[in-house]
Amino acid sequence: MSVFSSDLPEDLQQLTQRVRATAEVREGDCIALLELLRLLESLHFEIRDTLFRDALPDNRQRLYRLLRDIEQEGGWPYIKRMQLLALLEHLDEEGNEVVKEDV
């Protein structure tokens, strides 16, 4: 199930739209966007470590269904952190553009 899918339940579709709108309001403000990403990451960990962990399968049939769903729907949820190298590359690209503009 993708966040781009209309197959999501209505409450998750509304949540997705709200998060996107919240991000768009912060467009261009790196610190505000970072704050939003930190919040989403924190919620991810909170849900994973409480509600999700408590809901894990307690028998082989349920475990099989969970693993089959993970395989079919795209794997385990993961929030990837931006690598410092990517930030430095972005800075280098902007630095080259500034140099080109000054010439």
PDB file of N, CA and C in Angstrom:
ATOM      1  N   MET A   1       0.846  -1.174   0.000  1.00  0.00           N
ATOM      2  CA  MET A   1       0.000   0.000   0.000  1.00  0.00           C
ATOM      3  C   MET A   1       0.893   1.238   0.000  1.00  0.00           C
ATOM      4  N   SER A   2       0.781   2.053  -0.974  1.00  0.00           N
ATOM      5  CA  SER A   2       1.609   3.239  -1.128  1.00  0.00           C
ATOM      6  C   SER A   2       0.876   4.473  -0.628  1.00  0.00           C
ATOM      7  N   VAL A   3       1.635   5.466  -0.146  1.00  0.00           N
ATOM      8  CA  VAL A   3       0.996   6.715   0.271  1.00  0.00           C
ATOM      9  C   VAL A   3       0.465   7.476  -0.930  1.00  0.00           C
ATOM     10  N   PHE A   4       0.793   7.017  -2.122  1.00  0.00           N
ATOM     11  CA  PHE A   4       0.292   7.635  -3.344  1.00  0.00           C
ATOM     12  C   PHE A   4      -0.951   6.918  -3.852  1.00  0.00           C
ATOM     13  N   SER A   5      -1.380   5.906  -3.130  1.00  0.00           N
ATOM     14  CA  SER A   5      -2.466   5.054  -3.575  1.00  0.00           C
ATOM     15  C   SER A   5      -3.808   5.562  -3.079  1.00  0.00           C
ATOM     16  N   SER A   6      -4.799   5.485  -3.958  1.00  0.00           N
ATOM     17  CA  SER A   6      -6.155   5.829  -3.539  1.00  0.00           C
ATOM     18  C   SER A   6      -6.787   4.656  -2.802  1.00  0.00           C
ATOM     19  N   ASP A   7      -6.045   3.554  -2.659  1.00  0.00           N
ATOM     20  CA  ASP A   7      -6.535   2.388  -1.925  1.00  0.00           C
ATOM     21  C   ASP A   7      -6.434   2.572  -0.413  1.00  0.00           C
ATOM     22  N   LEU A   8      -5.813   3.659   0.018  1.00  0.00           N
ATOM     23  CA  LEU A   8      -5.694   3.909   1.453  1.00  0.00           C
ATOM     24  C   LEU A   8      -7.065   4.180   2.054  1.00  0.00           C
ATOM     25  N   PRO A   9      -7.260   3.804   3.311  1.00  0.00           N
ATOM     26  CA  PRO A   9      -8.509   4.172   3.983  1.00  0.00           C
ATOM     27  C   PRO A   9      -8.657   5.699   4.025  1.00  0.00           C
ATOM     28  N   GLU A  10      -9.874   6.161   4.107  1.00  0.00           N
ATOM     29  CA  GLU A  10     -10.164   7.598   4.054  1.00  0.00           C
ATOM     30  C   GLU A  10      -9.376   8.393   5.096  1.00  0.00           C
ATOM     31  N   ASP A  11      -9.277   7.886   6.318  1.00  0.00           N
ATOM     32  CA  ASP A  11      -8.564   8.634   7.357  1.00  0.00           C
ATOM     33  C   ASP A  11      -7.080   8.786   7.018  1.00  0.00           C
ATOM     34  N   LEU A  12      -6.486   7.766   6.390  1.00  0.00           N
ATOM     35  CA  LEU A  12      -5.072   7.866   6.004  1.00  0.00           C
ATOM     36  C   LEU A  12      -4.890   8.767   4.788  1.00  0.00           C
ATOM     37  N   GLN A  13      -5.858   8.784   3.877  1.00  0.00           N
ATOM     38  CA  GLN A  13      -5.805   9.718   2.747  1.00  0.00           C
ATOM     39  C   GLN A  13      -5.841  11.154   3.265  1.00  0.00           C
ATOM     40  N   GLN A  14      -6.715  11.424   4.232  1.00  0.00           N
ATOM     41  CA  GLN A  14      -6.807  12.767   4.807  1.00  0.00           C
ATOM     42  C   GLN A  14      -5.516  13.141   5.526  1.00  0.00           C
ATOM     43  N   LEU A  15      -4.956  12.191   6.253  1.00  0.00           N
ATOM     44  CA  LEU A  15      -3.697  12.435   6.952  1.00  0.00           C
ATOM     45  C   LEU A  15      -2.577  12.738   5.960  1.00  0.00           C
ATOM     46  N   THR A  16      -2.520  11.982   4.876  1.00  0.00           N
ATOM     47  CA  THR A  16      -1.512  12.200   3.836  1.00  0.00           C
ATOM     48  C   THR A  16      -1.640  13.598   3.248  1.00  0.00           C
ATOM     49  N   GLN A  17      -2.856  13.999   2.935  1.00  0.00           N
ATOM     50  CA  GLN A  17      -3.088  15.337   2.381  1.00  0.00           C
ATOM     51  C   GLN A  17      -2.688  16.419   3.375  1.00  0.00           C
ATOM     52  N   ARG A  18      -2.995  16.207   4.638  1.00  0.00           N
ATOM     53  CA  ARG A  18      -2.665  17.184   5.678  1.00  0.00           C
ATOM     54  C   ARG A  18      -1.143  17.318   5.840  1.00  0.00           C
ATOM     55  N   VAL A  19      -0.439  16.197   5.832  1.00  0.00           N
ATOM     56  CA  VAL A  19       1.026  16.243   5.964  1.00  0.00           C
ATOM     57  C   VAL A  19       1.639  16.951   4.760  1.00  0.00           C
ATOM     58  N   ARG A  20       1.144  16.642   3.561  1.00  0.00           N
ATOM     59  CA  ARG A  20       1.658  17.322   2.359  1.00  0.00           C
ATOM     60  C   ARG A  20       1.403  18.821   2.426  1.00  0.00           C
ATOM     61  N   ALA A  21       0.206  19.213   2.845  1.00  0.00           N
ATOM     62  CA  ALA A  21      -0.128  20.636   2.957  1.00  0.00           C
ATOM     63  C   ALA A  21       0.768  21.312   3.996  1.00  0.00           C
ATOM     64  N   THR A  22       1.017  20.622   5.095  1.00  0.00           N
ATOM     65  CA  THR A  22       1.890  21.158   6.139  1.00  0.00           C
ATOM     66  C   THR A  22       3.305  21.355   5.602  1.00  0.00           C
ATOM     67  N   ALA A  23       3.787  20.409   4.815  1.00  0.00           N
ATOM     68  CA  ALA A  23       5.124  20.527   4.220  1.00  0.00           C
ATOM     69  C   ALA A  23       5.168  21.676   3.218  1.00  0.00           C
ATOM     70  N   GLU A  24       4.126  21.808   2.402  1.00  0.00           N
ATOM     71  CA  GLU A  24       4.102  22.868   1.390  1.00  0.00           C
ATOM     72  C   GLU A  24       4.118  24.253   2.023  1.00  0.00           C
ATOM     73  N   VAL A  25       3.458  24.423   3.171  1.00  0.00           N
ATOM     74  CA  VAL A  25       3.472  25.702   3.882  1.00  0.00           C
ATOM     75  C   VAL A  25       4.897  26.057   4.299  1.00  0.00           C
ATOM     76  N   ARG A  26       5.706  25.043   4.547  1.00  0.00           N
ATOM     77  CA  ARG A  26       7.084  25.243   5.001  1.00  0.00           C
ATOM     78  C   ARG A  26       8.101  25.218   3.858  1.00  0.00           C
ATOM     79  N   GLU A  27       7.615  25.158   2.630  1.00  0.00           N
ATOM     80  CA  GLU A  27       8.506  25.094   1.466  1.00  0.00           C
ATOM     81  C   GLU A  27       9.517  26.233   1.500  1.00  0.00           C
ATOM     82  N   GLY A  28      10.770  25.882   1.294  1.00  0.00           N
ATOM     83  CA  GLY A  28      11.841  26.867   1.282  1.00  0.00           C
ATOM     84  C   GLY A  28      12.437  27.143   2.652  1.00  0.00           C
ATOM     85  N   ASP A  29      11.820  26.645   3.706  1.00  0.00           N
ATOM     86  CA  ASP A  29      12.303  26.855   5.071  1.00  0.00           C
ATOM     87  C   ASP A  29      12.890  25.542   5.588  1.00  0.00           C
ATOM     88  N   CYS A  30      14.181  25.395   5.406  1.00  0.00           N
ATOM     89  CA  CYS A  30      14.871  24.143   5.736  1.00  0.00           C
ATOM     90  C   CYS A  30      14.660  23.740   7.194  1.00  0.00           C
ATOM     91  N   ILE A  31      14.739  24.692   8.112  1.00  0.00           N
ATOM     92  CA  ILE A  31      14.598  24.388   9.536  1.00  0.00           C
ATOM     93  C   ILE A  31      13.184  23.899   9.846  1.00  0.00           C
ATOM     94  N   ALA A  32      12.176  24.550   9.277  1.00  0.00           N
ATOM     95  CA  ALA A  32      10.786  24.143   9.515  1.00  0.00           C
ATOM     96  C   ALA A  32      10.511  22.766   8.916  1.00  0.00           C
ATOM     97  N   LEU A  33      11.069  22.494   7.740  1.00  0.00           N
ATOM     98  CA  LEU A  33      10.896  21.171   7.124  1.00  0.00           C
ATOM     99  C   LEU A  33      11.613  20.094   7.934  1.00  0.00           C
ATOM    100  N   LEU A  34      12.782  20.425   8.451  1.00  0.00           N
ATOM    101  CA  LEU A  34      13.511  19.490   9.304  1.00  0.00           C
ATOM    102  C   LEU A  34      12.710  19.178  10.566  1.00  0.00           C
ATOM    103  N   GLU A  35      12.062  20.193  11.122  1.00  0.00           N
ATOM    104  CA  GLU A  35      11.211  19.992  12.295  1.00  0.00           C
ATOM    105  C   GLU A  35      10.068  19.017  11.978  1.00  0.00           C
ATOM    106  N   LEU A  36       9.454  19.181  10.812  1.00  0.00           N
ATOM    107  CA  LEU A  36       8.384  18.278  10.385  1.00  0.00           C
ATOM    108  C   LEU A  36       8.919  16.853  10.217  1.00  0.00           C
ATOM    109  N   LEU A  37      10.070  16.706   9.571  1.00  0.00           N
ATOM    110  CA  LEU A  37      10.661  15.378   9.385  1.00  0.00           C
ATOM    111  C   LEU A  37      10.991  14.719  10.723  1.00  0.00           C
ATOM    112  N   ARG A  38      11.490  15.509  11.664  1.00  0.00           N
ATOM    113  CA  ARG A  38      11.789  14.958  12.991  1.00  0.00           C
ATOM    114  C   ARG A  38      10.517  14.486  13.691  1.00  0.00           C
ATOM    115  N   LEU A  39       9.454  15.254  13.536  1.00  0.00           N
ATOM    116  CA  LEU A  39       8.178  14.862  14.133  1.00  0.00           C
ATOM    117  C   LEU A  39       7.675  13.554  13.528  1.00  0.00           C
ATOM    118  N   LEU A  40       7.722  13.454  12.200  1.00  0.00           N
ATOM    119  CA  LEU A  40       7.271  12.232  11.530  1.00  0.00           C
ATOM    120  C   LEU A  40       8.113  11.031  11.952  1.00  0.00           C
ATOM    121  N   GLU A  41       9.419  11.232  12.064  1.00  0.00           N
ATOM    122  CA  GLU A  41      10.300  10.150  12.502  1.00  0.00           C
ATOM    123  C   GLU A  41       9.962   9.730  13.928  1.00  0.00           C
ATOM    124  N   SER A  42       9.718  10.699  14.785  1.00  0.00           N
ATOM    125  CA  SER A  42       9.371  10.412  16.172  1.00  0.00           C
ATOM    126  C   SER A  42       8.062   9.629  16.264  1.00  0.00           C
ATOM    127  N   LEU A  43       7.071  10.032  15.471  1.00  0.00           N
ATOM    128  CA  LEU A  43       5.803   9.305  15.440  1.00  0.00           C
ATOM    129  C   LEU A  43       5.996   7.883  14.920  1.00  0.00           C
ATOM    130  N   HIS A  44       6.835   7.741  13.900  1.00  0.00           N
ATOM    131  CA  HIS A  44       7.145   6.415  13.346  1.00  0.00           C
ATOM    132  C   HIS A  44       7.687   5.500  14.449  1.00  0.00           C
ATOM    133  N   PHE A  45       8.690   5.991  15.178  1.00  0.00           N
ATOM    134  CA  PHE A  45       9.295   5.183  16.235  1.00  0.00           C
ATOM    135  C   PHE A  45       8.289   4.880  17.343  1.00  0.00           C
ATOM    136  N   GLU A  46       7.496   5.884  17.712  1.00  0.00           N
ATOM    137  CA  GLU A  46       6.509   5.699  18.780  1.00  0.00           C
ATOM    138  C   GLU A  46       5.491   4.616  18.415  1.00  0.00           C
ATOM    139  N   ILE A  47       4.957   4.684  17.212  1.00  0.00           N
ATOM    140  CA  ILE A  47       3.969   3.692  16.765  1.00  0.00           C
ATOM    141  C   ILE A  47       4.610   2.312  16.662  1.00  0.00           C
ATOM    142  N   ARG A  48       5.812   2.270  16.088  1.00  0.00           N
ATOM    143  CA  ARG A  48       6.505   0.988  15.923  1.00  0.00           C
ATOM    144  C   ARG A  48       6.791   0.326  17.265  1.00  0.00           C
ATOM    145  N   ASP A  49       7.244   1.116  18.237  1.00  0.00           N
ATOM    146  CA  ASP A  49       7.686   0.554  19.514  1.00  0.00           C
ATOM    147  C   ASP A  49       6.553   0.274  20.491  1.00  0.00           C
ATOM    148  N   THR A  50       5.344   0.714  20.181  1.00  0.00           N
ATOM    149  CA  THR A  50       4.220   0.478  21.091  1.00  0.00           C
ATOM    150  C   THR A  50       3.122  -0.313  20.387  1.00  0.00           C
ATOM    151  N   LEU A  51       2.283   0.367  19.671  1.00  0.00           N
ATOM    152  CA  LEU A  51       1.103  -0.255  19.063  1.00  0.00           C
ATOM    153  C   LEU A  51       1.462  -1.371  18.090  1.00  0.00           C
ATOM    154  N   PHE A  52       2.439  -1.121  17.213  1.00  0.00           N
ATOM    155  CA  PHE A  52       2.810  -2.130  16.226  1.00  0.00           C
ATOM    156  C   PHE A  52       3.420  -3.355  16.901  1.00  0.00           C
ATOM    157  N   ARG A  53       4.351  -3.112  17.808  1.00  0.00           N
ATOM    158  CA  ARG A  53       5.007  -4.232  18.491  1.00  0.00           C
ATOM    159  C   ARG A  53       3.977  -5.089  19.232  1.00  0.00           C
ATOM    160  N   ASP A  54       3.003  -4.435  19.864  1.00  0.00           N
ATOM    161  CA  ASP A  54       1.957  -5.173  20.582  1.00  0.00           C
ATOM    162  C   ASP A  54       1.057  -5.966  19.638  1.00  0.00           C
ATOM    163  N   ALA A  55       0.981  -5.538  18.377  1.00  0.00           N
ATOM    164  CA  ALA A  55       0.098  -6.198  17.407  1.00  0.00           C
ATOM    165  C   ALA A  55       0.797  -7.293  16.602  1.00  0.00           C
ATOM    166  N   LEU A  56       2.083  -7.520  16.845  1.00  0.00           N
ATOM    167  CA  LEU A  56       2.813  -8.542  16.087  1.00  0.00           C
ATOM    168  C   LEU A  56       2.168  -9.917  16.254  1.00  0.00           C
ATOM    169  N   PRO A  57       2.284 -10.758  15.223  1.00  0.00           N
ATOM    170  CA  PRO A  57       1.637 -12.076  15.236  1.00  0.00           C
ATOM    171  C   PRO A  57       2.102 -12.948  16.400  1.00  0.00           C
ATOM    172  N   ASP A  58       1.152 -13.757  16.871  1.00  0.00           N
ATOM    173  CA  ASP A  58       1.479 -14.674  17.956  1.00  0.00           C
ATOM    174  C   ASP A  58       1.328 -16.136  17.533  1.00  0.00           C
ATOM    175  N   ASN A  59       1.134 -16.336  16.207  1.00  0.00           N
ATOM    176  CA  ASN A  59       1.112 -17.712  15.702  1.00  0.00           C
ATOM    177  C   ASN A  59       1.639 -17.728  14.264  1.00  0.00           C
ATOM    178  N   ARG A  60       1.895 -18.909  13.741  1.00  0.00           N
ATOM    179  CA  ARG A  60       2.524 -19.044  12.421  1.00  0.00           C
ATOM    180  C   ARG A  60       1.647 -18.531  11.293  1.00  0.00           C
ATOM    181  N   GLN A  61       0.343 -18.745  11.368  1.00  0.00           N
ATOM    182  CA  GLN A  61      -0.546 -18.287  10.297  1.00  0.00           C
ATOM    183  C   GLN A  61      -0.528 -16.765  10.189  1.00  0.00           C
ATOM    184  N   ARG A  62      -0.611 -16.095  11.317  1.00  0.00           N
ATOM    185  CA  ARG A  62      -0.592 -14.626  11.303  1.00  0.00           C
ATOM    186  C   ARG A  62       0.773 -14.106  10.862  1.00  0.00           C
ATOM    187  N   LEU A  63       1.820 -14.781  11.295  1.00  0.00           N
ATOM    188  CA  LEU A  63       3.163 -14.395  10.866  1.00  0.00           C
ATOM    189  C   LEU A  63       3.294 -14.546   9.357  1.00  0.00           C
ATOM    190  N   TYR A  64       2.786 -15.628   8.810  1.00  0.00           N
ATOM    191  CA  TYR A  64       2.828 -15.850   7.365  1.00  0.00           C
ATOM    192  C   TYR A  64       2.081 -14.731   6.635  1.00  0.00           C
ATOM    193  N   ARG A  65       0.880 -14.368   7.125  1.00  0.00           N
ATOM    194  CA  ARG A  65       0.111 -13.284   6.491  1.00  0.00           C
ATOM    195  C   ARG A  65       0.868 -11.962   6.543  1.00  0.00           C
ATOM    196  N   LEU A  66       1.497 -11.682   7.677  1.00  0.00           N
ATOM    197  CA  LEU A  66       2.273 -10.448   7.805  1.00  0.00           C
ATOM    198  C   LEU A  66       3.439 -10.447   6.822  1.00  0.00           C
ATOM    199  N   LEU A  67       4.189 -11.525   6.762  1.00  0.00           N
ATOM    200  CA  LEU A  67       5.339 -11.602   5.856  1.00  0.00           C
ATOM    201  C   LEU A  67       4.909 -11.532   4.396  1.00  0.00           C
ATOM    202  N   ARG A  68       3.788 -12.153   4.070  1.00  0.00           N
ATOM    203  CA  ARG A  68       3.274 -12.095   2.702  1.00  0.00           C
ATOM    204  C   ARG A  68       2.880 -10.659   2.347  1.00  0.00           C
ATOM    205  N   ASP A  69       2.238  -9.956   3.288  1.00  0.00           N
ATOM    206  CA  ASP A  69       1.865  -8.565   3.052  1.00  0.00           C
ATOM    207  C   ASP A  69       3.102  -7.691   2.861  1.00  0.00           C
ATOM    208  N   ILE A  70       4.109  -7.901   3.689  1.00  0.00           N
ATOM    209  CA  ILE A  70       5.352  -7.130   3.570  1.00  0.00           C
ATOM    210  C   ILE A  70       5.981  -7.364   2.202  1.00  0.00           C
ATOM    211  N   GLU A  71       5.990  -8.603   1.755  1.00  0.00           N
ATOM    212  CA  GLU A  71       6.573  -8.935   0.452  1.00  0.00           C
ATOM    213  C   GLU A  71       5.770  -8.325  -0.696  1.00  0.00           C
ATOM    214  N   GLN A  72       4.460  -8.398  -0.627  1.00  0.00           N
ATOM    215  CA  GLN A  72       3.609  -7.933  -1.723  1.00  0.00           C
ATOM    216  C   GLN A  72       3.471  -6.417  -1.770  1.00  0.00           C
ATOM    217  N   GLU A  73       3.483  -5.773  -0.621  1.00  0.00           N
ATOM    218  CA  GLU A  73       3.186  -4.344  -0.570  1.00  0.00           C
ATOM    219  C   GLU A  73       4.417  -3.454  -0.483  1.00  0.00           C
ATOM    220  N   GLY A  74       5.593  -4.018  -0.564  1.00  0.00           N
ATOM    221  CA  GLY A  74       6.762  -3.161  -0.669  1.00  0.00           C
ATOM    222  C   GLY A  74       7.682  -3.118   0.522  1.00  0.00           C
ATOM    223  N   GLY A  75       7.590  -4.044   1.398  1.00  0.00           N
ATOM    224  CA  GLY A  75       8.594  -4.124   2.440  1.00  0.00           C
ATOM    225  C   GLY A  75       8.239  -3.431   3.735  1.00  0.00           C
ATOM    226  N   TRP A  76       9.257  -3.314   4.546  1.00  0.00           N
ATOM    227  CA  TRP A  76       9.132  -2.794   5.892  1.00  0.00           C
ATOM    228  C   TRP A  76       9.225  -1.272   5.856  1.00  0.00           C
ATOM    229  N   PRO A  77       8.377  -0.571   6.612  1.00  0.00           N
ATOM    230  CA  PRO A  77       8.479   0.898   6.637  1.00  0.00           C
ATOM    231  C   PRO A  77       9.836   1.328   7.193  1.00  0.00           C
ATOM    232  N   TYR A  78      10.423   2.303   6.566  1.00  0.00           N
ATOM    233  CA  TYR A  78      11.738   2.765   6.985  1.00  0.00           C
ATOM    234  C   TYR A  78      11.846   4.243   6.682  1.00  0.00           C
ATOM    235  N   ILE A  79      12.338   4.993   7.639  1.00  0.00           N
ATOM    236  CA  ILE A  79      12.572   6.414   7.412  1.00  0.00           C
ATOM    237  C   ILE A  79      14.074   6.593   7.252  1.00  0.00           C
ATOM    238  N   LYS A  80      14.482   6.868   6.031  1.00  0.00           N
ATOM    239  CA  LYS A  80      15.905   7.009   5.726  1.00  0.00           C
ATOM    240  C   LYS A  80      16.345   8.439   6.032  1.00  0.00           C
ATOM    241  N   ARG A  81      17.437   8.552   6.704  1.00  0.00           N
ATOM    242  CA  ARG A  81      17.992   9.874   6.993  1.00  0.00           C
ATOM    243  C   ARG A  81      18.859  10.316   5.824  1.00  0.00           C
ATOM    244  N   MET A  82      18.806  11.597   5.560  1.00  0.00           N
ATOM    245  CA  MET A  82      19.642  12.158   4.506  1.00  0.00           C
ATOM    246  C   MET A  82      21.100  12.049   4.955  1.00  0.00           C
ATOM    247  N   GLN A  83      21.939  11.610   4.076  1.00  0.00           N
ATOM    248  CA  GLN A  83      23.351  11.463   4.392  1.00  0.00           C
ATOM    249  C   GLN A  83      24.044  12.823   4.348  1.00  0.00           C
ATOM    250  N   LEU A  84      24.997  13.010   5.235  1.00  0.00           N
ATOM    251  CA  LEU A  84      25.752  14.253   5.281  1.00  0.00           C
ATOM    252  C   LEU A  84      26.422  14.523   3.938  1.00  0.00           C
ATOM    253  N   LEU A  85      26.868  13.478   3.275  1.00  0.00           N
ATOM    254  CA  LEU A  85      27.508  13.623   1.971  1.00  0.00           C
ATOM    255  C   LEU A  85      26.559  14.274   0.968  1.00  0.00           C
ATOM    256  N   ALA A  86      25.279  13.900   1.001  1.00  0.00           N
ATOM    257  CA  ALA A  86      24.296  14.491   0.093  1.00  0.00           C
ATOM    258  C   ALA A  86      24.143  15.983   0.372  1.00  0.00           C
ATOM    259  N   LEU A  87      24.176  16.367   1.643  1.00  0.00           N
ATOM    260  CA  LEU A  87      24.105  17.789   1.988  1.00  0.00           C
ATOM    261  C   LEU A  87      25.316  18.536   1.437  1.00  0.00           C
ATOM    262  N   LEU A  88      26.488  17.936   1.604  1.00  0.00           N
ATOM    263  CA  LEU A  88      27.708  18.577   1.116  1.00  0.00           C
ATOM    264  C   LEU A  88      27.703  18.695  -0.406  1.00  0.00           C
ATOM    265  N   GLU A  89      27.207  17.663  -1.095  1.00  0.00           N
ATOM    266  CA  GLU A  89      27.115  17.725  -2.554  1.00  0.00           C
ATOM    267  C   GLU A  89      26.172  18.837  -2.979  1.00  0.00           C
ATOM    268  N   HIS A  90      25.065  18.994  -2.254  1.00  0.00           N
ATOM    269  CA  HIS A  90      24.106  20.057  -2.554  1.00  0.00           C
ATOM    270  C   HIS A  90      24.773  21.421  -2.375  1.00  0.00           C
ATOM    271  N   LEU A  91      25.547  21.578  -1.302  1.00  0.00           N
ATOM    272  CA  LEU A  91      26.252  22.839  -1.075  1.00  0.00           C
ATOM    273  C   LEU A  91      27.258  23.099  -2.188  1.00  0.00           C
ATOM    274  N   ASP A  92      27.959  22.048  -2.618  1.00  0.00           N
ATOM    275  CA  ASP A  92      28.939  22.188  -3.684  1.00  0.00           C
ATOM    276  C   ASP A  92      28.265  22.625  -4.983  1.00  0.00           C
ATOM    277  N   GLU A  93      27.102  22.055  -5.293  1.00  0.00           N
ATOM    278  CA  GLU A  93      26.365  22.430  -6.501  1.00  0.00           C
ATOM    279  C   GLU A  93      25.960  23.896  -6.449  1.00  0.00           C
ATOM    280  N   GLU A  94      25.464  24.350  -5.287  1.00  0.00           N
ATOM    281  CA  GLU A  94      25.067  25.745  -5.153  1.00  0.00           C
ATOM    282  C   GLU A  94      26.276  26.661  -5.252  1.00  0.00           C
ATOM    283  N   GLY A  95      27.403  26.225  -4.680  1.00  0.00           N
ATOM    284  CA  GLY A  95      28.618  27.024  -4.753  1.00  0.00           C
ATOM    285  C   GLY A  95      29.081  27.205  -6.184  1.00  0.00           C
ATOM    286  N   ASN A  96      28.989  26.154  -6.995  1.00  0.00           N
ATOM    287  CA  ASN A  96      29.363  26.238  -8.405  1.00  0.00           C
ATOM    288  C   ASN A  96      28.432  27.173  -9.155  1.00  0.00           C
ATOM    289  N   GLU A  97      27.145  27.170  -8.816  1.00  0.00           N
ATOM    290  CA  GLU A  97      26.192  28.061  -9.478  1.00  0.00           C
ATOM    291  C   GLU A  97      26.489  29.511  -9.144  1.00  0.00           C
ATOM    292  N   VAL A  98      26.852  29.782  -7.890  1.00  0.00           N
ATOM    293  CA  VAL A  98      27.179  31.146  -7.484  1.00  0.00           C
ATOM    294  C   VAL A  98      28.407  31.624  -8.235  1.00  0.00           C
ATOM    295  N   VAL A  99      29.419  30.767  -8.351  1.00  0.00           N
ATOM    296  CA  VAL A  99      30.635  31.121  -9.075  1.00  0.00           C
ATOM    297  C   VAL A  99      30.305  31.417 -10.533  1.00  0.00           C
ATOM    298  N   LYS A 100      29.456  30.607 -11.162  1.00  0.00           N
ATOM    299  CA  LYS A 100      29.083  30.824 -12.556  1.00  0.00           C
ATOM    300  C   LYS A 100      28.339  32.140 -12.722  1.00  0.00           C
ATOM    301  N   GLU A 101      27.483  32.489 -11.751  1.00  0.00           N
ATOM    302  CA  GLU A 101      26.725  33.733 -11.842  1.00  0.00           C
ATOM    303  C   GLU A 101      27.636  34.944 -11.695  1.00  0.00           C
ATOM    304  N   ASP A 102      28.688  34.820 -10.885  1.00  0.00           N
ATOM    305  CA  ASP A 102      29.598  35.934 -10.652  1.00  0.00           C
ATOM    306  C   ASP A 102      30.510  36.191 -11.844  1.00  0.00           C
ATOM    307  N   VAL A 103      30.677  35.196 -12.700  1.00  0.00           N
ATOM    308  CA  VAL A 103      31.598  35.315 -13.832  1.00  0.00           C
ATOM    309  C   VAL A 103      30.987  36.117 -14.934  1.00  0.00           C
TER     310      VAL A 103
END
